[in-house]
Amino acid sequence: MAYEALRQLQEAEARADEIVREAEARSRSIIQDARSTARMVIDSAVAEAAAEAGASARAQEAEARAAAAEIAARAAAQCRDLENGARARMVEAVDLVVERIVTASGNR
């Protein structure tokens, strides 16, 4: 009877050891799966963020190009206006220079 009790105790301990080993193996598997899932979620989030950043950069670049084109067009128009104004006053400027040269040399 004592032998039977001792044998049952050893079997119970062996089963308990097996249950512990199985639980440890399952926990390692669960942790590995969780880490793998976490890595996939992180990679996906990083890729999504990179795509959004690229789209935002392209949109801002397009806005900047449009603004630069508008500024360049206004500057070109201002240059044309200044050039046209200068041409219109060219005759007046030549007359003024000739008058000063003639007056300075004593010929009136």
Foldseek 3Di string as FASTA:
>chain_A
DVVVVVVVVVVVVVVVVVVVVVVVVVVVVVVVVVVVVVVVVVVVVVVVVVVVVVVVVVVVVVVVVVVVVVVVVVVVVVVVVVVVVCVVCVVVVVVVVVVVVCVVVPHD
